[in-house]
Amino acid sequence: MLKCPICKKDVVPGTPDFPFCSERCRIIDLGNWSAEKYVISSSAKPETSHDEPDEQ
């Protein structure tokens, strides 16, 4: 049994609103994304491209 990420109620896999327990929780989650309450972390140091030649 999984928990709804918004209200923490139990959710049965395969339900129409999965992984949320209801359409209400789906809409709340969408609002959180649009309000930029969630962020996707990035690495602290930018990766160097291997396509560029090394400077000498």
PDB file of N, CA and C in Angstrom:
ATOM      1  N   MET A   1       0.845  -1.175   0.000  1.00  0.00           N
ATOM      2  CA  MET A   1       0.000   0.000   0.000  1.00  0.00           C
ATOM      3  C   MET A   1       0.893   1.242   0.000  1.00  0.00           C
ATOM      4  N   LEU A   2       0.593   2.180  -0.850  1.00  0.00           N
ATOM      5  CA  LEU A   2       1.353   3.426  -0.941  1.00  0.00           C
ATOM      6  C   LEU A   2       0.571   4.557  -0.297  1.00  0.00           C
ATOM      7  N   LYS A   3       1.261   5.631   0.023  1.00  0.00           N
ATOM      8  CA  LYS A   3       0.643   6.807   0.630  1.00  0.00           C
ATOM      9  C   LYS A   3       0.549   7.923  -0.400  1.00  0.00           C
ATOM     10  N   CYS A   4      -0.549   8.660  -0.351  1.00  0.00           N
ATOM     11  CA  CYS A   4      -0.728   9.831  -1.198  1.00  0.00           C
ATOM     12  C   CYS A   4       0.341  10.851  -0.809  1.00  0.00           C
ATOM     13  N   PRO A   5       1.068  11.409  -1.780  1.00  0.00           N
ATOM     14  CA  PRO A   5       2.130  12.356  -1.438  1.00  0.00           C
ATOM     15  C   PRO A   5       1.610  13.673  -0.852  1.00  0.00           C
ATOM     16  N   ILE A   6       0.339  13.964  -0.991  1.00  0.00           N
ATOM     17  CA  ILE A   6      -0.219  15.212  -0.481  1.00  0.00           C
ATOM     18  C   ILE A   6      -0.834  15.030   0.906  1.00  0.00           C
ATOM     19  N   CYS A   7      -1.782  14.096   1.055  1.00  0.00           N
ATOM     20  CA  CYS A   7      -2.501  13.970   2.332  1.00  0.00           C
ATOM     21  C   CYS A   7      -2.100  12.744   3.146  1.00  0.00           C
ATOM     22  N   LYS A   8      -1.281  11.886   2.573  1.00  0.00           N
ATOM     23  CA  LYS A   8      -0.739  10.693   3.248  1.00  0.00           C
ATOM     24  C   LYS A   8      -1.773   9.592   3.492  1.00  0.00           C
ATOM     25  N   LYS A   9      -2.925   9.632   2.821  1.00  0.00           N
ATOM     26  CA  LYS A   9      -3.884   8.539   2.918  1.00  0.00           C
ATOM     27  C   LYS A   9      -3.363   7.357   2.107  1.00  0.00           C
ATOM     28  N   ASP A  10      -3.815   6.148   2.460  1.00  0.00           N
ATOM     29  CA  ASP A  10      -3.434   4.960   1.694  1.00  0.00           C
ATOM     30  C   ASP A  10      -4.038   5.038   0.298  1.00  0.00           C
ATOM     31  N   VAL A  11      -3.260   4.606  -0.698  1.00  0.00           N
ATOM     32  CA  VAL A  11      -3.704   4.617  -2.087  1.00  0.00           C
ATOM     33  C   VAL A  11      -3.484   3.232  -2.677  1.00  0.00           C
ATOM     34  N   VAL A  12      -4.492   2.729  -3.345  1.00  0.00           N
ATOM     35  CA  VAL A  12      -4.408   1.426  -3.994  1.00  0.00           C
ATOM     36  C   VAL A  12      -3.848   1.624  -5.404  1.00  0.00           C
ATOM     37  N   PRO A  13      -2.761   0.938  -5.741  1.00  0.00           N
ATOM     38  CA  PRO A  13      -2.230   1.056  -7.106  1.00  0.00           C
ATOM     39  C   PRO A  13      -3.296   0.674  -8.133  1.00  0.00           C
ATOM     40  N   GLY A  14      -3.331   1.408  -9.232  1.00  0.00           N
ATOM     41  CA  GLY A  14      -4.292   1.116 -10.292  1.00  0.00           C
ATOM     42  C   GLY A  14      -5.535   1.984 -10.247  1.00  0.00           C
ATOM     43  N   THR A  15      -5.703   2.794  -9.198  1.00  0.00           N
ATOM     44  CA  THR A  15      -6.857   3.691  -9.141  1.00  0.00           C
ATOM     45  C   THR A  15      -6.648   4.820 -10.151  1.00  0.00           C
ATOM     46  N   PRO A  16      -7.727   5.444 -10.613  1.00  0.00           N
ATOM     47  CA  PRO A  16      -7.601   6.470 -11.664  1.00  0.00           C
ATOM     48  C   PRO A  16      -6.703   7.649 -11.299  1.00  0.00           C
ATOM     49  N   ASP A  17      -6.623   8.029 -10.038  1.00  0.00           N
ATOM     50  CA  ASP A  17      -5.830   9.184  -9.637  1.00  0.00           C
ATOM     51  C   ASP A  17      -4.456   8.808  -9.103  1.00  0.00           C
ATOM     52  N   PHE A  18      -4.069   7.542  -9.205  1.00  0.00           N
ATOM     53  CA  PHE A  18      -2.793   7.065  -8.684  1.00  0.00           C
ATOM     54  C   PHE A  18      -1.655   7.918  -9.213  1.00  0.00           C
ATOM     55  N   PRO A  19      -0.717   8.351  -8.432  1.00  0.00           N
ATOM     56  CA  PRO A  19      -0.382   7.972  -7.063  1.00  0.00           C
ATOM     57  C   PRO A  19      -1.088   8.802  -5.991  1.00  0.00           C
ATOM     58  N   PHE A  20      -2.056   9.626  -6.412  1.00  0.00           N
ATOM     59  CA  PHE A  20      -2.805  10.421  -5.457  1.00  0.00           C
ATOM     60  C   PHE A  20      -4.082   9.693  -5.071  1.00  0.00           C
ATOM     61  N   CYS A  21      -4.675  10.096  -3.942  1.00  0.00           N
ATOM     62  CA  CYS A  21      -5.894   9.421  -3.484  1.00  0.00           C
ATOM     63  C   CYS A  21      -7.141   9.998  -4.143  1.00  0.00           C
ATOM     64  N   SER A  22      -7.043  11.217  -4.678  1.00  0.00           N
ATOM     65  CA  SER A  22      -8.217  11.869  -5.258  1.00  0.00           C
ATOM     66  C   SER A  22      -7.788  12.921  -6.273  1.00  0.00           C
ATOM     67  N   GLU A  23      -8.760  13.403  -7.026  1.00  0.00           N
ATOM     68  CA  GLU A  23      -8.482  14.473  -7.979  1.00  0.00           C
ATOM     69  C   GLU A  23      -8.054  15.736  -7.230  1.00  0.00           C
ATOM     70  N   ARG A  24      -8.621  15.965  -6.053  1.00  0.00           N
ATOM     71  CA  ARG A  24      -8.258  17.126  -5.236  1.00  0.00           C
ATOM     72  C   ARG A  24      -6.755  17.141  -4.957  1.00  0.00           C
ATOM     73  N   CYS A  25      -6.203  16.015  -4.546  1.00  0.00           N
ATOM     74  CA  CYS A  25      -4.772  15.941  -4.254  1.00  0.00           C
ATOM     75  C   CYS A  25      -3.942  16.102  -5.525  1.00  0.00           C
ATOM     76  N   ARG A  26      -4.433  15.603  -6.653  1.00  0.00           N
ATOM     77  CA  ARG A  26      -3.733  15.804  -7.926  1.00  0.00           C
ATOM     78  C   ARG A  26      -3.658  17.278  -8.269  1.00  0.00           C
ATOM     79  N   ILE A  27      -4.764  18.011  -8.070  1.00  0.00           N
ATOM     80  CA  ILE A  27      -4.814  19.438  -8.377  1.00  0.00           C
ATOM     81  C   ILE A  27      -3.909  20.231  -7.433  1.00  0.00           C
ATOM     82  N   ILE A  28      -3.884  19.858  -6.161  1.00  0.00           N
ATOM     83  CA  ILE A  28      -2.998  20.515  -5.201  1.00  0.00           C
ATOM     84  C   ILE A  28      -1.547  20.338  -5.631  1.00  0.00           C
ATOM     85  N   ASP A  29      -1.184  19.123  -6.039  1.00  0.00           N
ATOM     86  CA  ASP A  29       0.180  18.847  -6.490  1.00  0.00           C
ATOM     87  C   ASP A  29       0.519  19.673  -7.729  1.00  0.00           C
ATOM     88  N   LEU A  30      -0.392  19.752  -8.671  1.00  0.00           N
ATOM     89  CA  LEU A  30      -0.171  20.545  -9.874  1.00  0.00           C
ATOM     90  C   LEU A  30       0.033  22.015  -9.509  1.00  0.00           C
ATOM     91  N   GLY A  31      -0.764  22.516  -8.577  1.00  0.00           N
ATOM     92  CA  GLY A  31      -0.607  23.890  -8.111  1.00  0.00           C
ATOM     93  C   GLY A  31       0.745  24.122  -7.462  1.00  0.00           C
ATOM     94  N   ASN A  32       1.223  23.131  -6.708  1.00  0.00           N
ATOM     95  CA  ASN A  32       2.545  23.246  -6.083  1.00  0.00           C
ATOM     96  C   ASN A  32       3.638  23.356  -7.132  1.00  0.00           C
ATOM     97  N   TRP A  33       3.529  22.568  -8.203  1.00  0.00           N
ATOM     98  CA  TRP A  33       4.519  22.650  -9.279  1.00  0.00           C
ATOM     99  C   TRP A  33       4.448  24.014  -9.958  1.00  0.00           C
ATOM    100  N   SER A  34       3.237  24.487 -10.248  1.00  0.00           N
ATOM    101  CA  SER A  34       3.118  25.763 -10.969  1.00  0.00           C
ATOM    102  C   SER A  34       3.538  26.941 -10.104  1.00  0.00           C
ATOM    103  N   ALA A  35       3.436  26.818  -8.783  1.00  0.00           N
ATOM    104  CA  ALA A  35       3.879  27.871  -7.862  1.00  0.00           C
ATOM    105  C   ALA A  35       5.367  27.740  -7.537  1.00  0.00           C
ATOM    106  N   GLU A  36       6.021  26.781  -8.182  1.00  0.00           N
ATOM    107  CA  GLU A  36       7.454  26.511  -8.002  1.00  0.00           C
ATOM    108  C   GLU A  36       7.813  26.167  -6.557  1.00  0.00           C
ATOM    109  N   LYS A  37       6.904  25.449  -5.881  1.00  0.00           N
ATOM    110  CA  LYS A  37       7.199  24.983  -4.526  1.00  0.00           C
ATOM    111  C   LYS A  37       8.111  23.763  -4.558  1.00  0.00           C
ATOM    112  N   TYR A  38       8.156  23.092  -5.695  1.00  0.00           N
ATOM    113  CA  TYR A  38       9.043  21.951  -5.871  1.00  0.00           C
ATOM    114  C   TYR A  38      10.197  22.393  -6.764  1.00  0.00           C
ATOM    115  N   VAL A  39      11.375  21.883  -6.495  1.00  0.00           N
ATOM    116  CA  VAL A  39      12.524  22.145  -7.358  1.00  0.00           C
ATOM    117  C   VAL A  39      13.246  20.839  -7.620  1.00  0.00           C
ATOM    118  N   ILE A  40      13.823  20.746  -8.765  1.00  0.00           N
ATOM    119  CA  ILE A  40      14.633  19.587  -9.111  1.00  0.00           C
ATOM    120  C   ILE A  40      16.073  19.989  -8.856  1.00  0.00           C
ATOM    121  N   SER A  41      16.717  19.277  -7.970  1.00  0.00           N
ATOM    122  CA  SER A  41      18.079  19.657  -7.603  1.00  0.00           C
ATOM    123  C   SER A  41      19.040  19.385  -8.756  1.00  0.00           C
ATOM    124  N   SER A  42      20.099  20.147  -8.757  1.00  0.00           N
ATOM    125  CA  SER A  42      21.140  19.954  -9.753  1.00  0.00           C
ATOM    126  C   SER A  42      22.457  19.759  -9.022  1.00  0.00           C
ATOM    127  N   SER A  43      23.436  19.290  -9.750  1.00  0.00           N
ATOM    128  CA  SER A  43      24.735  19.063  -9.129  1.00  0.00           C
ATOM    129  C   SER A  43      25.354  20.396  -8.719  1.00  0.00           C
ATOM    130  N   ALA A  44      26.181  20.374  -7.686  1.00  0.00           N
ATOM    131  CA  ALA A  44      26.808  21.587  -7.179  1.00  0.00           C
ATOM    132  C   ALA A  44      27.795  22.158  -8.183  1.00  0.00           C
ATOM    133  N   LYS A  45      28.520  21.293  -8.880  1.00  0.00           N
ATOM    134  CA  LYS A  45      29.491  21.724  -9.879  1.00  0.00           C
ATOM    135  C   LYS A  45      28.978  21.362 -11.260  1.00  0.00           C
ATOM    136  N   PRO A  46      28.981  22.307 -12.182  1.00  0.00           N
ATOM    137  CA  PRO A  46      28.553  21.949 -13.542  1.00  0.00           C
ATOM    138  C   PRO A  46      29.530  20.951 -14.158  1.00  0.00           C
ATOM    139  N   GLU A  47      28.989  20.000 -14.847  1.00  0.00           N
ATOM    140  CA  GLU A  47      29.836  19.008 -15.492  1.00  0.00           C
ATOM    141  C   GLU A  47      30.500  19.628 -16.711  1.00  0.00           C
ATOM    142  N   THR A  48      31.740  19.257 -16.956  1.00  0.00           N
ATOM    143  CA  THR A  48      32.437  19.760 -18.132  1.00  0.00           C
ATOM    144  C   THR A  48      32.056  18.907 -19.332  1.00  0.00           C
ATOM    145  N   SER A  49      31.964  19.557 -20.446  1.00  0.00           N
ATOM    146  CA  SER A  49      31.619  18.853 -21.668  1.00  0.00           C
ATOM    147  C   SER A  49      32.858  18.147 -22.213  1.00  0.00           C
ATOM    148  N   HIS A  50      32.696  16.922 -22.642  1.00  0.00           N
ATOM    149  CA  HIS A  50      33.809  16.170 -23.212  1.00  0.00           C
ATOM    150  C   HIS A  50      33.964  16.453 -24.707  1.00  0.00           C
ATOM    151  N   ASP A  51      33.037  17.246 -25.258  1.00  0.00           N
ATOM    152  CA  ASP A  51      33.092  17.581 -26.675  1.00  0.00           C
ATOM    153  C   ASP A  51      34.072  18.706 -26.959  1.00  0.00           C
ATOM    154  N   GLU A  52      34.378  19.519 -25.947  1.00  0.00           N
ATOM    155  CA  GLU A  52      35.258  20.663 -26.141  1.00  0.00           C
ATOM    156  C   GLU A  52      36.719  20.236 -25.997  1.00  0.00           C
ATOM    157  N   PRO A  53      37.585  20.786 -26.836  1.00  0.00           N
ATOM    158  CA  PRO A  53      39.020  20.440 -26.693  1.00  0.00           C
ATOM    159  C   PRO A  53      39.583  21.073 -25.418  1.00  0.00           C
ATOM    160  N   ASP A  54      40.558  20.411 -24.829  1.00  0.00           N
ATOM    161  CA  ASP A  54      41.214  20.932 -23.642  1.00  0.00           C
ATOM    162  C   ASP A  54      42.040  22.145 -24.005  1.00  0.00           C
ATOM    163  N   GLU A  55      42.014  23.172 -23.134  1.00  0.00           N
ATOM    164  CA  GLU A  55      42.833  24.352 -23.361  1.00  0.00           C
ATOM    165  C   GLU A  55      44.246  24.074 -22.878  1.00  0.00           C
ATOM    166  N   GLN A  56      45.237  24.582 -23.599  1.00  0.00           N
ATOM    167  CA  GLN A  56      46.625  24.390 -23.196  1.00  0.00           C
ATOM    168  C   GLN A  56      47.370  25.667 -23.193  1.00  0.00           C
TER     169      GLN A  56
END
